[in-house]
C-alpha atoms as a PDB file:
ATOM      1  CA  GLN A   1      -4.563 -19.182   8.723  1.00  0.00           C
ATOM      2  CA  LEU A   2      -3.197 -17.372  11.750  1.00  0.00           C
ATOM      3  CA  ASP A   3      -1.994 -20.209  13.981  1.00  0.00           C
ATOM      4  CA  SER A   4       1.633 -19.932  12.802  1.00  0.00           C
ATOM      5  CA  LEU A   5       1.825 -16.137  12.476  1.00  0.00           C
ATOM      6  CA  PHE A   6       4.808 -14.606  14.304  1.00  0.00           C
ATOM      7  CA  HIS A   7       4.199 -11.225  15.933  1.00  0.00           C
ATOM      8  CA  LYS A   8       4.834  -9.033  18.952  1.00  0.00           C
ATOM      9  CA  ALA A   9       2.761  -9.871  21.989  1.00  0.00           C
ATOM     10  CA  LYS A  10       0.297  -7.155  22.888  1.00  0.00           C
ATOM     11  CA  ALA A  11      -0.301  -7.977  26.546  1.00  0.00           C
ATOM     12  CA  LYS A  12       3.338  -8.575  27.549  1.00  0.00           C
ATOM     13  CA  MET A  13       6.855  -7.902  26.312  1.00  0.00           C
ATOM     14  CA  GLY A  14       7.892 -10.628  23.928  1.00  0.00           C
ATOM     15  CA  PHE A  15       7.147 -12.404  20.701  1.00  0.00           C
ATOM     16  CA  LEU A  16       4.838 -15.300  20.011  1.00  0.00           C
ATOM     17  CA  PHE A  17       3.412 -17.499  17.312  1.00  0.00           C
ATOM     18  CA  GLY A  18      -0.292 -17.751  16.710  1.00  0.00           C
ATOM     19  CA  TYR A  19      -3.479 -15.831  17.214  1.00  0.00           C
ATOM     20  CA  GLU A  20      -3.875 -13.160  19.864  1.00  0.00           C
ATOM     21  CA  ALA A  21      -7.291 -11.675  20.606  1.00  0.00           C
ATOM     22  CA  ASP A  22      -7.986  -8.262  19.059  1.00  0.00           C
ATOM     23  CA  ASN A  23      -4.586  -8.199  17.366  1.00  0.00           C
ATOM     24  CA  HIS A  24      -5.224 -10.087  14.131  1.00  0.00           C
ATOM     25  CA  ALA A  25      -8.292 -10.438  12.002  1.00  0.00           C
ATOM     26  CA  ILE A  26      -8.786 -12.416   8.810  1.00  0.00           C
ATOM     27  CA  ASN A  27     -10.140  -9.386   6.960  1.00  0.00           C
ATOM     28  CA  THR A  28      -7.181  -7.040   7.580  1.00  0.00           C
ATOM     29  CA  ALA A  29      -3.555  -6.713   8.628  1.00  0.00           C
ATOM     30  CA  PRO A  30      -2.352  -6.784  12.238  1.00  0.00           C
ATOM     31  CA  LYS A  31      -3.884  -3.773  13.960  1.00  0.00           C
ATOM     32  CA  GLU A  32      -0.461  -2.383  14.881  1.00  0.00           C
ATOM     33  CA  THR A  33       0.334  -1.851  11.180  1.00  0.00           C
ATOM     34  CA  LEU A  34      -2.740   0.217  10.266  1.00  0.00           C
ATOM     35  CA  VAL A  35      -2.179   3.974   9.979  1.00  0.00           C
ATOM     36  CA  LYS A  36      -4.248   6.923   8.844  1.00  0.00           C
ATOM     37  CA  ILE A  37      -2.510   9.914   7.295  1.00  0.00           C
ATOM     38  CA  THR A  38      -4.630  13.052   7.139  1.00  0.00           C
ATOM     39  CA  PHE A  39      -1.953  15.568   6.115  1.00  0.00           C
ATOM     40  CA  ALA A  40       1.755  15.042   5.644  1.00  0.00           C
ATOM     41  CA  GLU A  41       3.200  18.332   4.429  1.00  0.00           C
ATOM     42  CA  LYS A  42       2.912  20.788   1.588  1.00  0.00           C
ATOM     43  CA  GLY A  43       4.694  19.471  -1.469  1.00  0.00           C
ATOM     44  CA  GLY A  44       6.945  21.005  -4.056  1.00  0.00           C
ATOM     45  CA  LEU A  45      10.072  23.086  -3.672  1.00  0.00           C
ATOM     46  CA  LYS A  46       9.861  25.158  -0.470  1.00  0.00           C
ATOM     47  CA  GLY A  47       6.295  23.931   0.077  1.00  0.00           C
ATOM     48  CA  LYS A  48       4.910  25.440  -3.125  1.00  0.00           C
ATOM     49  CA  GLY A  49       3.310  23.600  -6.013  1.00  0.00           C
ATOM     50  CA  LYS A  50       3.168  19.844  -6.451  1.00  0.00           C
ATOM     51  CA  LEU A  51       5.775  17.264  -5.513  1.00  0.00           C
ATOM     52  CA  ASP A  52       7.945  16.122  -8.414  1.00  0.00           C
ATOM     53  CA  ILE A  53       6.569  12.578  -8.108  1.00  0.00           C
ATOM     54  CA  VAL A  54       3.049  13.886  -8.790  1.00  0.00           C
ATOM     55  CA  LYS A  55       4.275  15.371 -12.067  1.00  0.00           C
ATOM     56  CA  SER A  56       5.634  11.956 -13.138  1.00  0.00           C
ATOM     57  CA  GLY A  57       2.210  10.590 -14.109  1.00  0.00           C
ATOM     58  CA  PHE A  58       2.501   7.480 -11.935  1.00  0.00           C
ATOM     59  CA  THR A  59       0.449   8.589  -8.903  1.00  0.00           C
ATOM     60  CA  PRO A  60      -3.300   8.119  -8.286  1.00  0.00           C
ATOM     61  CA  ALA A  61      -5.488  10.819  -9.870  1.00  0.00           C
ATOM     62  CA  ASN A  62      -2.489  12.022 -11.909  1.00  0.00           C
ATOM     63  CA  GLU A  63      -2.059   9.130 -14.343  1.00  0.00           C
ATOM     64  CA  ASN A  64      -0.293   9.658 -17.651  1.00  0.00           C
ATOM     65  CA  GLU A  65      -1.295   7.843 -20.855  1.00  0.00           C
ATOM     66  CA  PHE A  66       0.904   4.826 -20.061  1.00  0.00           C
ATOM     67  CA  MET A  67      -0.644   4.384 -16.607  1.00  0.00           C
ATOM     68  CA  GLU A  68      -4.170   4.712 -17.988  1.00  0.00           C
ATOM     69  CA  ASN A  69      -3.366   1.917 -20.462  1.00  0.00           C
ATOM     70  CA  TYR A  70      -1.812  -0.155 -17.657  1.00  0.00           C
ATOM     71  CA  ILE A  71      -4.889   0.235 -15.455  1.00  0.00           C
ATOM     72  CA  ALA A  72      -7.135  -0.679 -18.374  1.00  0.00           C
ATOM     73  CA  GLY A  73      -5.060  -3.841 -18.956  1.00  0.00           C
ATOM     74  CA  ASN A  74      -3.813  -2.817 -22.390  1.00  0.00           C
ATOM     75  CA  ILE A  75      -0.054  -3.132 -21.771  1.00  0.00           C
ATOM     76  CA  THR A  76       0.376  -6.910 -22.061  1.00  0.00           C
ATOM     77  CA  THR A  77      -1.584  -9.547 -23.889  1.00  0.00           C
ATOM     78  CA  VAL A  78      -1.795 -13.304 -23.532  1.00  0.00           C
ATOM     79  CA  GLY A  79      -1.986 -15.720 -26.413  1.00  0.00           C
ATOM     80  CA  ASP A  80      -0.924 -15.238 -30.016  1.00  0.00           C
ATOM     81  CA  ASP A  81      -0.269 -11.513 -29.669  1.00  0.00           C
ATOM     82  CA  GLU A  82       3.208 -10.210 -28.881  1.00  0.00           C
ATOM     83  CA  TRP A  83       3.934  -9.022 -25.389  1.00  0.00           C
END
């Protein structure tokens, strides 16, 4: 799986193809791409209230009716029913 993967070398300056110890694992992405965000900034206009995107209904924990149907798999059907 990883023998042809192109990436930056971790122990030297350069690029290489293939596996490099402690840089790639089958169960996750390259370690250099993993980030943890604990707090970005207060949202909304001048840092008050919610960001406009949160009000859209398309973000986690703020789903609108359409997104709830999408998550439940009720938007499209396969077979004789119309799409």
